[in-house]
Amino acid sequence: MRVISGTARGKKLSSLEGLATRPTLDRVKEALFSILQFDLKDAYILDLFSGSGALGIEALSRGAKEVFFCDNSYKAIQIINKNLNDTKLIDKAKVLNKDYIDTLKQLSKNSQKFDIIFLDPPYKSDYAIKAIDNIIKYNLLKDDGIIVLETDDKNKIDEIKKYNELEVYDTRKYGIVLIIFIRKG
């Protein structure tokens, strides 16, 4: 796993060992960031369920202003901090070792809003929909903001379409990985 483009291009990223996390494949990450390339400059980003921090680090490398990384695993937080230090992007990052619901509550208390929110929760969980519920509840997405959900469950599209405030505007499939692009609609 590596940073594909930008100021940290080519830097190798560490990842967690074992099956607890599943890093986004480089080919999926490359396609994802090709789609988002014009939305990254000076963007405020939330990387929820960060794992190794690869998505947020790629965004910082490509010109994002600030990324909030959130993971409830202390080991993941250690890896994120190592990767941020290795890529020299630590000064543009806020790293939170909290449950995703607690993170969303805290960010709302600080009146934080995001241009892009990456959601890459464990596949066989209901965390994605619960996170989206709370993102809407706490009004954390800017009016022209984007939620990018990585999942293996195509039924998530129908679940998201139930939100009047949101619109699924693009989907991409890479093997079992489905990337769903969502914005306020």
Protein backbone atom coordinates (compact mmCIF):
# COMPACT_ATOMS: atom_id res chain seq x y z
CA MET A 1 0.00 0.00 0.00
CA ARG A 2 1.37 3.38 -1.01
CA VAL A 3 0.45 7.02 -1.58
CA ILE A 4 -0.44 7.30 -5.26
CA SER A 5 -0.06 11.01 -6.00
CA GLY A 6 0.76 14.41 -4.57
CA THR A 7 3.38 15.61 -2.12
CA ALA A 8 3.83 12.17 -0.51
CA ARG A 9 3.69 10.25 -3.80
CA GLY A 10 5.29 6.81 -3.64
CA LYS A 11 5.57 6.70 0.15
CA LYS A 12 4.85 3.24 1.48
CA LEU A 13 2.16 3.10 4.15
CA SER A 14 2.08 0.69 7.06
CA SER A 15 -1.11 -1.23 7.72
CA LEU A 16 -2.56 -3.29 10.51
CA GLU A 17 -1.78 -6.97 10.53
CA GLY A 18 -4.58 -9.50 10.59
CA LEU A 19 -8.13 -9.52 9.33
CA ALA A 20 -9.54 -6.79 11.58
CA THR A 21 -9.12 -4.17 8.85
CA ARG A 22 -9.12 -4.34 5.09
CA PRO A 23 -7.12 -1.60 3.38
CA THR A 24 -8.59 -0.05 0.25
CA LEU A 25 -6.77 -1.58 -2.72
CA ASP A 26 -4.45 0.75 -4.63
CA ARG A 27 -6.45 0.34 -7.86
CA VAL A 28 -9.69 1.24 -6.05
CA LYS A 29 -8.01 4.17 -4.31
CA GLU A 30 -6.59 5.40 -7.62
CA ALA A 31 -10.02 5.28 -9.30
CA LEU A 32 -11.69 6.92 -6.29
CA PHE A 33 -9.26 9.82 -6.23
CA SER A 34 -9.49 10.31 -9.99
CA ILE A 35 -13.21 10.95 -9.46
CA LEU A 36 -12.59 13.28 -6.49
CA GLN A 37 -9.52 15.09 -7.84
CA PHE A 38 -11.25 18.46 -8.31
CA ASP A 39 -12.93 18.33 -4.89
CA LEU A 40 -9.76 17.92 -2.81
CA LYS A 41 -8.05 21.31 -2.97
CA ASP A 42 -8.31 22.97 0.46
CA ALA A 43 -11.02 20.49 1.51
CA TYR A 44 -11.90 19.61 5.09
CA ILE A 45 -12.23 15.84 5.28
CA LEU A 46 -13.39 13.27 7.80
CA ASP A 47 -11.94 9.78 7.45
CA LEU A 48 -14.25 7.73 9.66
CA PHE A 49 -13.19 4.11 10.34
CA SER A 50 -9.69 5.17 9.22
CA GLY A 51 -7.81 1.90 9.65
CA SER A 52 -4.32 2.77 8.36
CA GLY A 53 -5.40 6.28 7.34
CA ALA A 54 -4.66 5.60 3.66
CA LEU A 55 -7.69 7.51 2.28
CA GLY A 56 -7.17 10.60 4.40
CA ILE A 57 -3.42 10.59 3.77
CA GLU A 58 -4.00 10.34 0.01
CA ALA A 59 -6.38 13.32 0.28
CA LEU A 60 -3.80 15.36 2.23
CA SER A 61 -1.08 14.46 -0.25
CA ARG A 62 -3.33 15.77 -3.04
CA GLY A 63 -4.07 19.14 -1.42
CA ALA A 64 -6.75 18.72 1.25
CA LYS A 65 -6.55 21.42 3.94
CA GLU A 66 -7.20 19.19 6.97
CA VAL A 67 -8.26 15.63 7.68
CA PHE A 68 -9.82 14.28 10.85
CA PHE A 69 -8.95 10.60 11.25
CA CYS A 70 -11.16 8.48 13.50
CA ASP A 71 -10.76 4.89 14.59
CA ASN A 72 -11.67 3.18 17.84
CA SER A 73 -8.67 0.80 17.66
CA TYR A 74 -5.60 2.03 19.51
CA LYS A 75 -3.40 -0.07 17.17
CA ALA A 76 -4.99 1.67 14.17
CA ILE A 77 -4.30 5.07 15.74
CA GLN A 78 -0.64 4.12 16.20
CA ILE A 79 -0.40 3.12 12.51
CA ILE A 80 -2.18 6.31 11.38
CA ASN A 81 0.24 8.46 13.41
CA LYS A 82 3.23 6.54 12.02
CA ASN A 83 1.96 6.98 8.44
CA LEU A 84 1.29 10.68 9.00
CA ASN A 85 4.78 11.18 10.40
CA ASP A 86 6.40 9.15 7.60
CA THR A 87 4.57 11.21 4.94
CA LYS A 88 5.24 14.48 6.81
CA LEU A 89 1.51 15.29 6.81
CA ILE A 90 0.94 15.16 10.57
CA ASP A 91 0.53 18.96 10.87
CA LYS A 92 -2.62 18.83 8.70
CA ALA A 93 -4.24 16.02 10.67
CA LYS A 94 -6.35 15.52 13.76
CA VAL A 95 -6.36 11.93 15.00
CA LEU A 96 -9.19 10.76 17.23
CA ASN A 97 -9.15 7.43 19.07
CA LYS A 98 -12.90 7.22 19.64
CA ASP A 99 -15.99 5.35 18.66
CA TYR A 100 -17.47 6.81 15.47
CA ILE A 101 -20.70 7.95 17.17
CA ASP A 102 -18.74 9.77 19.89
CA THR A 103 -16.55 11.36 17.22
CA LEU A 104 -19.55 12.63 15.26
CA LYS A 105 -21.08 14.09 18.45
CA GLN A 106 -17.81 15.81 19.36
CA LEU A 107 -17.39 17.27 15.88
CA SER A 108 -20.93 18.66 15.96
CA LYS A 109 -20.24 20.39 19.28
CA ASN A 110 -17.30 22.10 17.57
CA SER A 111 -19.58 23.15 14.67
CA GLN A 112 -17.30 21.26 12.28
CA LYS A 113 -18.51 20.66 8.70
CA PHE A 114 -16.83 18.63 6.01
CA ASP A 115 -16.40 18.80 2.25
CA ILE A 116 -15.80 15.04 2.03
CA ILE A 117 -16.56 12.24 4.48
CA PHE A 118 -15.03 8.82 3.85
CA LEU A 119 -16.97 5.91 5.33
CA ASP A 120 -15.19 2.58 5.18
CA PRO A 121 -16.72 0.59 8.04
CA PRO A 122 -16.45 -3.16 8.58
CA TYR A 123 -18.42 -4.74 5.74
CA LYS A 124 -20.75 -6.96 7.75
CA SER A 125 -21.96 -4.20 10.05
CA ASP A 126 -24.72 -1.59 10.15
CA TYR A 127 -22.21 1.15 11.00
CA ALA A 128 -22.49 2.87 7.61
CA ILE A 129 -26.19 3.65 7.95
CA LYS A 130 -25.82 4.59 11.62
CA ALA A 131 -22.96 6.94 10.67
CA ILE A 132 -25.04 8.52 7.91
CA ASP A 133 -27.95 8.96 10.36
CA ASN A 134 -25.64 10.86 12.69
CA ILE A 135 -23.96 12.87 9.93
CA ILE A 136 -27.42 14.14 8.96
CA LYS A 137 -28.56 14.56 12.58
CA TYR A 138 -25.51 16.66 13.46
CA ASN A 139 -25.40 18.47 10.08
CA LEU A 140 -21.72 17.63 9.51
CA LEU A 141 -21.74 17.71 5.70
CA LYS A 142 -21.37 21.03 3.89
CA ASP A 143 -24.12 21.91 1.39
CA ASP A 144 -21.94 20.84 -1.54
CA GLY A 145 -20.24 18.06 0.44
CA ILE A 146 -19.77 14.44 -0.55
CA ILE A 147 -19.98 11.18 1.40
CA VAL A 148 -17.96 8.33 -0.08
CA LEU A 149 -19.05 4.92 1.20
CA GLU A 150 -17.03 1.76 0.58
CA THR A 151 -19.06 -1.42 1.02
CA ASP A 152 -19.64 -4.89 -0.36
CA ASP A 153 -23.43 -4.61 -0.01
CA LYS A 154 -25.37 -3.24 -3.01
CA ASN A 155 -28.47 -3.01 -0.77
CA LYS A 156 -26.85 0.00 0.91
CA ILE A 157 -27.85 2.04 -2.17
CA ASP A 158 -31.55 1.43 -1.47
CA GLU A 159 -31.04 2.19 2.23
CA ILE A 160 -29.40 5.53 1.36
CA LYS A 161 -32.16 6.43 -1.11
CA LYS A 162 -34.59 6.49 1.84
CA TYR A 163 -32.97 9.74 3.02
CA ASN A 164 -34.74 12.74 1.51
CA GLU A 165 -31.68 14.91 2.24
CA LEU A 166 -29.29 12.72 0.24
CA GLU A 167 -28.78 11.63 -3.33
CA VAL A 168 -26.69 8.73 -4.64
CA TYR A 169 -25.08 10.37 -7.67
CA ASP A 170 -22.54 7.73 -8.69
CA THR A 171 -21.54 4.16 -7.95
CA ARG A 172 -18.49 2.20 -9.01
CA LYS A 173 -17.82 -1.51 -8.61
CA TYR A 174 -14.35 -3.06 -8.34
CA GLY A 175 -14.64 -6.81 -7.73
CA ILE A 176 -16.64 -7.14 -4.52
CA VAL A 177 -15.98 -3.49 -3.56
CA LEU A 178 -18.76 -1.00 -4.24
CA ILE A 179 -18.01 2.72 -3.90
CA ILE A 180 -21.14 4.83 -3.42
CA PHE A 181 -20.92 8.62 -3.93
CA ILE A 182 -23.55 10.55 -1.99
CA ARG A 183 -24.36 14.27 -1.74
CA LYS A 184 -27.09 16.46 -0.37
CA GLY A 185 -29.95 16.27 -2.84
